[in-house]
Structures are given as C-alpha cells and as structure tokens.
Amino acid sequence: MIAFTSLLVLAIVFFVAHVALLFTSFGKTGFNRKKYFWSHLTLWITGIIAYLVTVLYAGKGMNETVDLFDTGGKQALLLLATVVLSVVAHTIVKLFILPKYVPQKS
C-alpha cells in the first residue's frame, strides 16, 4: 500500500511540476526553451508512472480507477494518451503562443 500511494503522489508531483513549468515557460522576458523542455519531460514521466501504477496494481482492488486499466491494451492507452497530449500541447504552443514571442521576419 505504501508503494502504491508513493507512486500516486509521485505522479501528482510530476504533473503539478509539468503544469507549473509549462505556464512559466512563457513570460514577460520571453520564451524559455529549457523550462518548456522540462515541462514536456515531466509530462512524459507522469505518463510512465501512471502506466507503471496500472501494470503493478490494476485488478488488485487498490483503487477503482486503477482497476479500470486491467488489460495490457488499456494500460498502453495511458502511454498513448501521454504522447497525444504532448503532441497536441506542442502544436498549440507552436501555432498560437510562440508567434507572440518570436519576432516576425519582414
């Protein structure tokens, strides 16, 4: 139970770090590529931890939500969702946010 809770807390910490890094990547001083990279990295780590939690604990009655991911295919969906979320976020940033921070060439 301690390992299960620890992994869940770790996933939450990495997700909060992801959100904080993402929002602080853009500011009055411009676009911070390093923070933006770390925001994506923390998102991927969150997805990997969530996947690991389901592989280790799905179907064991530890948590109703975790028990939903009781097959390898459902567990793989967590990794797929992480990749899709990362690509969608990157696309939104590239198309809508970065143009405001990068000087336009005339």
PDB file of N, CA and C in Angstrom:
ATOM      1  N   MET A   1       0.818  -1.196   0.000  1.00  0.00           N
ATOM      2  CA  MET A   1       0.000   0.000   0.000  1.00  0.00           C
ATOM      3  C   MET A   1       0.865   1.264   0.000  1.00  0.00           C
ATOM      4  N   ILE A   2       1.996   1.221   0.698  1.00  0.00           N
ATOM      5  CA  ILE A   2       2.882   2.388   0.749  1.00  0.00           C
ATOM      6  C   ILE A   2       3.466   2.665  -0.631  1.00  0.00           C
ATOM      7  N   ALA A   3       3.866   1.615  -1.349  1.00  0.00           N
ATOM      8  CA  ALA A   3       4.438   1.806  -2.690  1.00  0.00           C
ATOM      9  C   ALA A   3       3.379   2.361  -3.643  1.00  0.00           C
ATOM     10  N   PHE A   4       2.167   1.861  -3.536  1.00  0.00           N
ATOM     11  CA  PHE A   4       1.068   2.337  -4.384  1.00  0.00           C
ATOM     12  C   PHE A   4       0.829   3.825  -4.154  1.00  0.00           C
ATOM     13  N   THR A   5       0.677   4.206  -2.890  1.00  0.00           N
ATOM     14  CA  THR A   5       0.442   5.607  -2.547  1.00  0.00           C
ATOM     15  C   THR A   5       1.623   6.475  -2.964  1.00  0.00           C
ATOM     16  N   SER A   6       2.817   5.980  -2.754  1.00  0.00           N
ATOM     17  CA  SER A   6       4.017   6.745  -3.132  1.00  0.00           C
ATOM     18  C   SER A   6       4.060   7.007  -4.633  1.00  0.00           C
ATOM     19  N   LEU A   7       3.715   6.008  -5.423  1.00  0.00           N
ATOM     20  CA  LEU A   7       3.699   6.189  -6.878  1.00  0.00           C
ATOM     21  C   LEU A   7       2.630   7.188  -7.299  1.00  0.00           C
ATOM     22  N   LEU A   8       1.468   7.131  -6.667  1.00  0.00           N
ATOM     23  CA  LEU A   8       0.411   8.090  -6.991  1.00  0.00           C
ATOM     24  C   LEU A   8       0.832   9.515  -6.629  1.00  0.00           C
ATOM     25  N   VAL A   9       1.432   9.679  -5.463  1.00  0.00           N
ATOM     26  CA  VAL A   9       1.916  11.004  -5.045  1.00  0.00           C
ATOM     27  C   VAL A   9       2.994  11.479  -6.004  1.00  0.00           C
ATOM     28  N   LEU A  10       3.882  10.600  -6.396  1.00  0.00           N
ATOM     29  CA  LEU A  10       4.945  10.955  -7.340  1.00  0.00           C
ATOM     30  C   LEU A  10       4.364  11.400  -8.681  1.00  0.00           C
ATOM     31  N   ALA A  11       3.351  10.691  -9.156  1.00  0.00           N
ATOM     32  CA  ALA A  11       2.698  11.077 -10.419  1.00  0.00           C
ATOM     33  C   ALA A  11       2.061  12.456 -10.291  1.00  0.00           C
ATOM     34  N   ILE A  12       1.413  12.713  -9.168  1.00  0.00           N
ATOM     35  CA  ILE A  12       0.784  14.022  -8.954  1.00  0.00           C
ATOM     36  C   ILE A  12       1.838  15.116  -8.898  1.00  0.00           C
ATOM     37  N   VAL A  13       2.934  14.866  -8.208  1.00  0.00           N
ATOM     38  CA  VAL A  13       4.015  15.859  -8.111  1.00  0.00           C
ATOM     39  C   VAL A  13       4.576  16.174  -9.491  1.00  0.00           C
ATOM     40  N   PHE A  14       4.812  15.146 -10.300  1.00  0.00           N
ATOM     41  CA  PHE A  14       5.343  15.385 -11.641  1.00  0.00           C
ATOM     42  C   PHE A  14       4.332  16.121 -12.522  1.00  0.00           C
ATOM     43  N   PHE A  15       3.043  15.824 -12.362  1.00  0.00           N
ATOM     44  CA  PHE A  15       2.049  16.526 -13.167  1.00  0.00           C
ATOM     45  C   PHE A  15       1.957  17.994 -12.756  1.00  0.00           C
ATOM     46  N   VAL A  16       1.986  18.265 -11.471  1.00  0.00           N
ATOM     47  CA  VAL A  16       1.975  19.656 -10.998  1.00  0.00           C
ATOM     48  C   VAL A  16       3.223  20.384 -11.503  1.00  0.00           C
ATOM     49  N   ALA A  17       4.361  19.713 -11.463  1.00  0.00           N
ATOM     50  CA  ALA A  17       5.600  20.308 -11.995  1.00  0.00           C
ATOM     51  C   ALA A  17       5.449  20.595 -13.484  1.00  0.00           C
ATOM     52  N   HIS A  18       4.816  19.677 -14.203  1.00  0.00           N
ATOM     53  CA  HIS A  18       4.577  19.870 -15.636  1.00  0.00           C
ATOM     54  C   HIS A  18       3.777  21.138 -15.877  1.00  0.00           C
ATOM     55  N   VAL A  19       2.676  21.293 -15.166  1.00  0.00           N
ATOM     56  CA  VAL A  19       1.807  22.458 -15.357  1.00  0.00           C
ATOM     57  C   VAL A  19       2.563  23.743 -14.987  1.00  0.00           C
ATOM     58  N   ALA A  20       3.256  23.727 -13.857  1.00  0.00           N
ATOM     59  CA  ALA A  20       3.993  24.917 -13.423  1.00  0.00           C
ATOM     60  C   ALA A  20       5.072  25.295 -14.434  1.00  0.00           C
ATOM     61  N   LEU A  21       5.820  24.309 -14.898  1.00  0.00           N
ATOM     62  CA  LEU A  21       6.877  24.584 -15.877  1.00  0.00           C
ATOM     63  C   LEU A  21       6.298  25.072 -17.204  1.00  0.00           C
ATOM     64  N   LEU A  22       5.181  24.493 -17.610  1.00  0.00           N
ATOM     65  CA  LEU A  22       4.567  24.905 -18.869  1.00  0.00           C
ATOM     66  C   LEU A  22       4.144  26.365 -18.809  1.00  0.00           C
ATOM     67  N   PHE A  23       3.444  26.733 -17.749  1.00  0.00           N
ATOM     68  CA  PHE A  23       2.950  28.105 -17.653  1.00  0.00           C
ATOM     69  C   PHE A  23       4.059  29.122 -17.413  1.00  0.00           C
ATOM     70  N   THR A  24       5.133  28.704 -16.771  1.00  0.00           N
ATOM     71  CA  THR A  24       6.232  29.647 -16.544  1.00  0.00           C
ATOM     72  C   THR A  24       7.238  29.667 -17.692  1.00  0.00           C
ATOM     73  N   SER A  25       7.007  28.850 -18.698  1.00  0.00           N
ATOM     74  CA  SER A  25       7.878  28.875 -19.885  1.00  0.00           C
ATOM     75  C   SER A  25       7.669  30.134 -20.710  1.00  0.00           C
ATOM     76  N   PHE A  26       6.555  30.787 -20.481  1.00  0.00           N
ATOM     77  CA  PHE A  26       6.200  31.972 -21.248  1.00  0.00           C
ATOM     78  C   PHE A  26       5.989  33.119 -20.267  1.00  0.00           C
ATOM     79  N   GLY A  27       6.696  34.201 -20.498  1.00  0.00           N
ATOM     80  CA  GLY A  27       6.551  35.323 -19.578  1.00  0.00           C
ATOM     81  C   GLY A  27       6.963  36.627 -20.218  1.00  0.00           C
ATOM     82  N   LYS A  28       7.099  37.635 -19.390  1.00  0.00           N
ATOM     83  CA  LYS A  28       7.460  38.964 -19.868  1.00  0.00           C
ATOM     84  C   LYS A  28       8.845  38.983 -20.496  1.00  0.00           C
ATOM     85  N   THR A  29       9.711  38.081 -20.032  1.00  0.00           N
ATOM     86  CA  THR A  29      11.073  38.037 -20.567  1.00  0.00           C
ATOM     87  C   THR A  29      11.175  37.188 -21.828  1.00  0.00           C
ATOM     88  N   GLY A  30      10.070  36.590 -22.248  1.00  0.00           N
ATOM     89  CA  GLY A  30      10.072  35.800 -23.481  1.00  0.00           C
ATOM     90  C   GLY A  30       9.855  34.320 -23.220  1.00  0.00           C
ATOM     91  N   PHE A  31      10.218  33.537 -24.202  1.00  0.00           N
ATOM     92  CA  PHE A  31      10.013  32.090 -24.191  1.00  0.00           C
ATOM     93  C   PHE A  31      11.258  31.406 -23.635  1.00  0.00           C
ATOM     94  N   ASN A  32      11.083  30.552 -22.627  1.00  0.00           N
ATOM     95  CA  ASN A  32      12.192  29.837 -22.009  1.00  0.00           C
ATOM     96  C   ASN A  32      12.173  28.390 -22.497  1.00  0.00           C
ATOM     97  N   ARG A  33      13.037  28.089 -23.462  1.00  0.00           N
ATOM     98  CA  ARG A  33      13.074  26.750 -24.074  1.00  0.00           C
ATOM     99  C   ARG A  33      13.397  25.647 -23.063  1.00  0.00           C
ATOM    100  N   LYS A  34      14.287  25.940 -22.137  1.00  0.00           N
ATOM    101  CA  LYS A  34      14.688  24.922 -21.162  1.00  0.00           C
ATOM    102  C   LYS A  34      13.500  24.515 -20.281  1.00  0.00           C
ATOM    103  N   LYS A  35      12.751  25.491 -19.777  1.00  0.00           N
ATOM    104  CA  LYS A  35      11.572  25.177 -18.968  1.00  0.00           C
ATOM    105  C   LYS A  35      10.527  24.434 -19.798  1.00  0.00           C
ATOM    106  N   TYR A  36      10.391  24.834 -21.052  1.00  0.00           N
ATOM    107  CA  TYR A  36       9.417  24.180 -21.936  1.00  0.00           C
ATOM    108  C   TYR A  36       9.788  22.713 -22.144  1.00  0.00           C
ATOM    109  N   PHE A  37      11.077  22.443 -22.353  1.00  0.00           N
ATOM    110  CA  PHE A  37      11.547  21.059 -22.492  1.00  0.00           C
ATOM    111  C   PHE A  37      11.255  20.272 -21.212  1.00  0.00           C
ATOM    112  N   TRP A  38      11.584  20.853 -20.062  1.00  0.00           N
ATOM    113  CA  TRP A  38      11.346  20.172 -18.793  1.00  0.00           C
ATOM    114  C   TRP A  38       9.861  19.947 -18.551  1.00  0.00           C
ATOM    115  N   SER A  39       9.018  20.855 -19.037  1.00  0.00           N
ATOM    116  CA  SER A  39       7.575  20.650 -18.871  1.00  0.00           C
ATOM    117  C   SER A  39       7.123  19.410 -19.637  1.00  0.00           C
ATOM    118  N   HIS A  40       7.657  19.225 -20.838  1.00  0.00           N
ATOM    119  CA  HIS A  40       7.305  18.014 -21.607  1.00  0.00           C
ATOM    120  C   HIS A  40       7.877  16.769 -20.937  1.00  0.00           C
ATOM    121  N   LEU A  41       9.090  16.857 -20.468  1.00  0.00           N
ATOM    122  CA  LEU A  41       9.724  15.713 -19.820  1.00  0.00           C
ATOM    123  C   LEU A  41       8.937  15.279 -18.584  1.00  0.00           C
ATOM    124  N   THR A  42       8.491  16.239 -17.784  1.00  0.00           N
ATOM    125  CA  THR A  42       7.718  15.879 -16.593  1.00  0.00           C
ATOM    126  C   THR A  42       6.358  15.280 -16.963  1.00  0.00           C
ATOM    127  N   LEU A  43       5.782  15.716 -18.085  1.00  0.00           N
ATOM    128  CA  LEU A  43       4.537  15.098 -18.557  1.00  0.00           C
ATOM    129  C   LEU A  43       4.787  13.640 -18.937  1.00  0.00           C
ATOM    130  N   TRP A  44       5.860  13.384 -19.655  1.00  0.00           N
ATOM    131  CA  TRP A  44       6.173  12.005 -20.057  1.00  0.00           C
ATOM    132  C   TRP A  44       6.440  11.129 -18.834  1.00  0.00           C
ATOM    133  N   ILE A  45       7.141  11.675 -17.854  1.00  0.00           N
ATOM    134  CA  ILE A  45       7.407  10.916 -16.626  1.00  0.00           C
ATOM    135  C   ILE A  45       6.095  10.607 -15.910  1.00  0.00           C
ATOM    136  N   THR A  46       5.180  11.562 -15.875  1.00  0.00           N
ATOM    137  CA  THR A  46       3.865  11.337 -15.268  1.00  0.00           C
ATOM    138  C   THR A  46       3.156  10.175 -15.965  1.00  0.00           C
ATOM    139  N   GLY A  47       3.167  10.173 -17.296  1.00  0.00           N
ATOM    140  CA  GLY A  47       2.524   9.098 -18.048  1.00  0.00           C
ATOM    141  C   GLY A  47       3.156   7.736 -17.781  1.00  0.00           C
ATOM    142  N   ILE A  48       4.466   7.721 -17.679  1.00  0.00           N
ATOM    143  CA  ILE A  48       5.175   6.459 -17.402  1.00  0.00           C
ATOM    144  C   ILE A  48       4.837   5.950 -16.004  1.00  0.00           C
ATOM    145  N   ILE A  49       4.782   6.861 -15.039  1.00  0.00           N
ATOM    146  CA  ILE A  49       4.426   6.456 -13.678  1.00  0.00           C
ATOM    147  C   ILE A  49       2.986   5.935 -13.637  1.00  0.00           C
ATOM    148  N   ALA A  50       2.069   6.626 -14.314  1.00  0.00           N
ATOM    149  CA  ALA A  50       0.673   6.174 -14.352  1.00  0.00           C
ATOM    150  C   ALA A  50       0.593   4.781 -14.985  1.00  0.00           C
ATOM    151  N   TYR A  51       1.337   4.572 -16.053  1.00  0.00           N
ATOM    152  CA  TYR A  51       1.388   3.262 -16.700  1.00  0.00           C
ATOM    153  C   TYR A  51       1.913   2.207 -15.725  1.00  0.00           C
ATOM    154  N   LEU A  52       2.984   2.534 -15.033  1.00  0.00           N
ATOM    155  CA  LEU A  52       3.584   1.610 -14.076  1.00  0.00           C
ATOM    156  C   LEU A  52       2.604   1.263 -12.957  1.00  0.00           C
ATOM    157  N   VAL A  53       1.876   2.250 -12.472  1.00  0.00           N
ATOM    158  CA  VAL A  53       0.871   2.008 -11.424  1.00  0.00           C
ATOM    159  C   VAL A  53      -0.160   0.999 -11.912  1.00  0.00           C
ATOM    160  N   THR A  54      -0.637   1.166 -13.143  1.00  0.00           N
ATOM    161  CA  THR A  54      -1.660   0.245 -13.641  1.00  0.00           C
ATOM    162  C   THR A  54      -1.095  -1.150 -13.890  1.00  0.00           C
ATOM    163  N   VAL A  55       0.143  -1.231 -14.358  1.00  0.00           N
ATOM    164  CA  VAL A  55       0.753  -2.545 -14.575  1.00  0.00           C
ATOM    165  C   VAL A  55       0.892  -3.292 -13.246  1.00  0.00           C
ATOM    166  N   LEU A  56       1.297  -2.567 -12.227  1.00  0.00           N
ATOM    167  CA  LEU A  56       1.546  -3.212 -10.930  1.00  0.00           C
ATOM    168  C   LEU A  56       0.281  -3.458 -10.106  1.00  0.00           C
ATOM    169  N   TYR A  57      -0.728  -2.584 -10.236  1.00  0.00           N
ATOM    170  CA  TYR A  57      -1.832  -2.627  -9.281  1.00  0.00           C
ATOM    171  C   TYR A  57      -3.230  -2.791  -9.870  1.00  0.00           C
ATOM    172  N   ALA A  58      -3.401  -2.753 -11.184  1.00  0.00           N
ATOM    173  CA  ALA A  58      -4.743  -2.906 -11.768  1.00  0.00           C
ATOM    174  C   ALA A  58      -5.296  -4.294 -11.457  1.00  0.00           C
ATOM    175  N   GLY A  59      -6.562  -4.316 -11.058  1.00  0.00           N
ATOM    176  CA  GLY A  59      -7.218  -5.582 -10.762  1.00  0.00           C
ATOM    177  C   GLY A  59      -6.971  -6.108  -9.363  1.00  0.00           C
ATOM    178  N   LYS A  60      -6.247  -5.354  -8.558  1.00  0.00           N
ATOM    179  CA  LYS A  60      -5.928  -5.811  -7.199  1.00  0.00           C
ATOM    180  C   LYS A  60      -6.812  -5.153  -6.140  1.00  0.00           C
ATOM    181  N   GLY A  61      -7.774  -4.331  -6.581  1.00  0.00           N
ATOM    182  CA  GLY A  61      -8.702  -3.723  -5.645  1.00  0.00           C
ATOM    183  C   GLY A  61      -8.126  -2.577  -4.829  1.00  0.00           C
ATOM    184  N   MET A  62      -7.005  -2.038  -5.248  1.00  0.00           N
ATOM    185  CA  MET A  62      -6.382  -0.928  -4.510  1.00  0.00           C
ATOM    186  C   MET A  62      -7.105   0.391  -4.768  1.00  0.00           C
ATOM    187  N   ASN A  63      -7.611   0.544  -6.005  1.00  0.00           N
ATOM    188  CA  ASN A  63      -8.257   1.791  -6.403  1.00  0.00           C
ATOM    189  C   ASN A  63      -9.178   1.484  -7.576  1.00  0.00           C
ATOM    190  N   GLU A  64     -10.400   2.004  -7.522  1.00  0.00           N
ATOM    191  CA  GLU A  64     -11.376   1.711  -8.583  1.00  0.00           C
ATOM    192  C   GLU A  64     -10.924   2.234  -9.942  1.00  0.00           C
ATOM    193  N   THR A  65     -10.330   3.416  -9.963  1.00  0.00           N
ATOM    194  CA  THR A  65      -9.874   3.994 -11.230  1.00  0.00           C
ATOM    195  C   THR A  65      -8.732   3.175 -11.811  1.00  0.00           C
ATOM    196  N   VAL A  66      -7.786   2.790 -10.996  1.00  0.00           N
ATOM    197  CA  VAL A  66      -6.656   1.975 -11.462  1.00  0.00           C
ATOM    198  C   VAL A  66      -7.154   0.629 -11.965  1.00  0.00           C
ATOM    199  N   ASP A  67      -8.167   0.069 -11.307  1.00  0.00           N
ATOM    200  CA  ASP A  67      -8.712  -1.234 -11.717  1.00  0.00           C
ATOM    201  C   ASP A  67      -9.347  -1.199 -13.111  1.00  0.00           C
ATOM    202  N   LEU A  68      -9.704  -0.024 -13.590  1.00  0.00           N
ATOM    203  CA  LEU A  68     -10.254   0.075 -14.948  1.00  0.00           C
ATOM    204  C   LEU A  68      -9.229  -0.324 -16.009  1.00  0.00           C
ATOM    205  N   PHE A  69      -7.951  -0.167 -15.706  1.00  0.00           N
ATOM    206  CA  PHE A  69      -6.875  -0.455 -16.663  1.00  0.00           C
ATOM    207  C   PHE A  69      -6.326  -1.858 -16.413  1.00  0.00           C
ATOM    208  N   ASP A  70      -7.205  -2.853 -16.537  1.00  0.00           N
ATOM    209  CA  ASP A  70      -6.859  -4.229 -16.175  1.00  0.00           C
ATOM    210  C   ASP A  70      -6.306  -5.076 -17.319  1.00  0.00           C
ATOM    211  N   THR A  71      -6.124  -4.491 -18.494  1.00  0.00           N
ATOM    212  CA  THR A  71      -5.533  -5.245 -19.605  1.00  0.00           C
ATOM    213  C   THR A  71      -4.346  -4.458 -20.160  1.00  0.00           C
ATOM    214  N   GLY A  72      -3.487  -5.163 -20.873  1.00  0.00           N
ATOM    215  CA  GLY A  72      -2.327  -4.516 -21.477  1.00  0.00           C
ATOM    216  C   GLY A  72      -2.715  -3.421 -22.456  1.00  0.00           C
ATOM    217  N   GLY A  73      -3.807  -3.641 -23.190  1.00  0.00           N
ATOM    218  CA  GLY A  73      -4.264  -2.632 -24.154  1.00  0.00           C
ATOM    219  C   GLY A  73      -4.730  -1.362 -23.469  1.00  0.00           C
ATOM    220  N   LYS A  74      -5.471  -1.514 -22.400  1.00  0.00           N
ATOM    221  CA  LYS A  74      -5.937  -0.346 -21.654  1.00  0.00           C
ATOM    222  C   LYS A  74      -4.760   0.385 -21.007  1.00  0.00           C
ATOM    223  N   GLN A  75      -3.803  -0.365 -20.535  1.00  0.00           N
ATOM    224  CA  GLN A  75      -2.623   0.242 -19.924  1.00  0.00           C
ATOM    225  C   GLN A  75      -1.806   1.004 -20.965  1.00  0.00           C
ATOM    226  N   ALA A  76      -1.698   0.442 -22.158  1.00  0.00           N
ATOM    227  CA  ALA A  76      -0.965   1.111 -23.236  1.00  0.00           C
ATOM    228  C   ALA A  76      -1.647   2.423 -23.634  1.00  0.00           C
ATOM    229  N   LEU A  77      -2.964   2.492 -23.424  1.00  0.00           N
ATOM    230  CA  LEU A  77      -3.687   3.733 -23.731  1.00  0.00           C
ATOM    231  C   LEU A  77      -3.169   4.906 -22.896  1.00  0.00           C
ATOM    232  N   LEU A  78      -2.670   4.632 -21.702  1.00  0.00           N
ATOM    233  CA  LEU A  78      -2.093   5.701 -20.882  1.00  0.00           C
ATOM    234  C   LEU A  78      -0.864   6.293 -21.559  1.00  0.00           C
ATOM    235  N   LEU A  79      -0.026   5.432 -22.100  1.00  0.00           N
ATOM    236  CA  LEU A  79       1.163   5.923 -22.811  1.00  0.00           C
ATOM    237  C   LEU A  79       0.759   6.663 -24.080  1.00  0.00           C
ATOM    238  N   LEU A  80      -0.232   6.125 -24.790  1.00  0.00           N
ATOM    239  CA  LEU A  80      -0.723   6.788 -25.998  1.00  0.00           C
ATOM    240  C   LEU A  80      -1.325   8.151 -25.659  1.00  0.00           C
ATOM    241  N   ALA A  81      -2.104   8.209 -24.600  1.00  0.00           N
ATOM    242  CA  ALA A  81      -2.698   9.484 -24.181  1.00  0.00           C
ATOM    243  C   ALA A  81      -1.626  10.499 -23.821  1.00  0.00           C
ATOM    244  N   THR A  82      -0.551  10.037 -23.206  1.00  0.00           N
ATOM    245  CA  THR A  82       0.557  10.935 -22.867  1.00  0.00           C
ATOM    246  C   THR A  82       1.193  11.501 -24.129  1.00  0.00           C
ATOM    247  N   VAL A  83       1.428  10.657 -25.110  1.00  0.00           N
ATOM    248  CA  VAL A  83       2.021  11.109 -26.368  1.00  0.00           C
ATOM    249  C   VAL A  83       1.081  12.075 -27.087  1.00  0.00           C
ATOM    250  N   VAL A  84      -0.192  11.722 -27.161  1.00  0.00           N
ATOM    251  CA  VAL A  84      -1.167  12.585 -27.842  1.00  0.00           C
ATOM    252  C   VAL A  84      -1.269  13.933 -27.138  1.00  0.00           C
ATOM    253  N   LEU A  85      -1.348  13.926 -25.817  1.00  0.00           N
ATOM    254  CA  LEU A  85      -1.425  15.178 -25.059  1.00  0.00           C
ATOM    255  C   LEU A  85      -0.191  16.036 -25.306  1.00  0.00           C
ATOM    256  N   SER A  86       0.955  15.411 -25.342  1.00  0.00           N
ATOM    257  CA  SER A  86       2.198  16.139 -25.587  1.00  0.00           C
ATOM    258  C   SER A  86       2.216  16.752 -26.981  1.00  0.00           C
ATOM    259  N   VAL A  87       1.800  15.984 -27.975  1.00  0.00           N
ATOM    260  CA  VAL A  87       1.780  16.481 -29.363  1.00  0.00           C
ATOM    261  C   VAL A  87       0.760  17.609 -29.527  1.00  0.00           C
ATOM    262  N   VAL A  88      -0.413  17.439 -28.957  1.00  0.00           N
ATOM    263  CA  VAL A  88      -1.449  18.476 -29.051  1.00  0.00           C
ATOM    264  C   VAL A  88      -0.979  19.759 -28.363  1.00  0.00           C
ATOM    265  N   ALA A  89      -0.426  19.628 -27.167  1.00  0.00           N
ATOM    266  CA  ALA A  89       0.061  20.812 -26.450  1.00  0.00           C
ATOM    267  C   ALA A  89       1.178  21.498 -27.234  1.00  0.00           C
ATOM    268  N   HIS A  90       2.091  20.710 -27.763  1.00  0.00           N
ATOM    269  CA  HIS A  90       3.200  21.283 -28.537  1.00  0.00           C
ATOM    270  C   HIS A  90       2.673  22.004 -29.783  1.00  0.00           C
ATOM    271  N   THR A  91       1.693  21.422 -30.438  1.00  0.00           N
ATOM    272  CA  THR A  91       1.107  22.040 -31.634  1.00  0.00           C
ATOM    273  C   THR A  91       0.417  23.361 -31.288  1.00  0.00           C
ATOM    274  N   ILE A  92      -0.334  23.380 -30.209  1.00  0.00           N
ATOM    275  CA  ILE A  92      -0.998  24.614 -29.778  1.00  0.00           C
ATOM    276  C   ILE A  92       0.035  25.690 -29.473  1.00  0.00           C
ATOM    277  N   VAL A  93       1.065  25.314 -28.746  1.00  0.00           N
ATOM    278  CA  VAL A  93       2.113  26.284 -28.408  1.00  0.00           C
ATOM    279  C   VAL A  93       2.798  26.791 -29.672  1.00  0.00           C
ATOM    280  N   LYS A  94       3.134  25.887 -30.567  1.00  0.00           N
ATOM    281  CA  LYS A  94       3.851  26.269 -31.791  1.00  0.00           C
ATOM    282  C   LYS A  94       3.015  27.180 -32.683  1.00  0.00           C
ATOM    283  N   LEU A  95       1.730  26.885 -32.821  1.00  0.00           N
ATOM    284  CA  LEU A  95       0.889  27.645 -33.743  1.00  0.00           C
ATOM    285  C   LEU A  95       0.313  28.926 -33.153  1.00  0.00           C
ATOM    286  N   PHE A  96      -0.002  28.915 -31.850  1.00  0.00           N
ATOM    287  CA  PHE A  96      -0.743  30.039 -31.290  1.00  0.00           C
ATOM    288  C   PHE A  96       0.029  30.878 -30.267  1.00  0.00           C
ATOM    289  N   ILE A  97       0.946  30.269 -29.552  1.00  0.00           N
ATOM    290  CA  ILE A  97       1.618  31.002 -28.486  1.00  0.00           C
ATOM    291  C   ILE A  97       2.994  31.503 -28.908  1.00  0.00           C
ATOM    292  N   LEU A  98       3.798  30.642 -29.507  1.00  0.00           N
ATOM    293  CA  LEU A  98       5.148  31.056 -29.900  1.00  0.00           C
ATOM    294  C   LEU A  98       5.185  32.249 -30.850  1.00  0.00           C
ATOM    295  N   PRO A  99       4.254  32.365 -31.794  1.00  0.00           N
ATOM    296  CA  PRO A  99       4.304  33.542 -32.676  1.00  0.00           C
ATOM    297  C   PRO A  99       4.255  34.862 -31.911  1.00  0.00           C
ATOM    298  N   LYS A 100       3.713  34.872 -30.720  1.00  0.00           N
ATOM    299  CA  LYS A 100       3.642  36.101 -29.930  1.00  0.00           C
ATOM    300  C   LYS A 100       4.995  36.425 -29.298  1.00  0.00           C
ATOM    301  N   TYR A 101       5.882  35.424 -29.186  1.00  0.00           N
ATOM    302  CA  TYR A 101       7.163  35.607 -28.537  1.00  0.00           C
ATOM    303  C   TYR A 101       8.337  35.695 -29.497  1.00  0.00           C
ATOM    304  N   VAL A 102       8.142  35.218 -30.704  1.00  0.00           N
ATOM    305  CA  VAL A 102       9.219  35.221 -31.696  1.00  0.00           C
ATOM    306  C   VAL A 102       8.992  36.398 -32.646  1.00  0.00           C
ATOM    307  N   PRO A 103      10.005  37.233 -32.819  1.00  0.00           N
ATOM    308  CA  PRO A 103       9.850  38.381 -33.729  1.00  0.00           C
ATOM    309  C   PRO A 103       9.547  37.910 -35.156  1.00  0.00           C
ATOM    310  N   GLN A 104       8.599  38.567 -35.774  1.00  0.00           N
ATOM    311  CA  GLN A 104       8.215  38.240 -37.146  1.00  0.00           C
ATOM    312  C   GLN A 104       9.239  38.799 -38.122  1.00  0.00           C
ATOM    313  N   LYS A 105       9.612  37.997 -39.121  1.00  0.00           N
ATOM    314  CA  LYS A 105      10.551  38.436 -40.151  1.00  0.00           C
ATOM    315  C   LYS A 105       9.769  39.162 -41.237  1.00  0.00           C
ATOM    316  N   SER A 106      10.288  40.295 -41.647  1.00  0.00           N
ATOM    317  CA  SER A 106       9.603  41.087 -42.684  1.00  0.00           C
ATOM    318  C   SER A 106      10.256  40.913 -44.024  1.00  0.00           C
TER     319      SER A 106
END
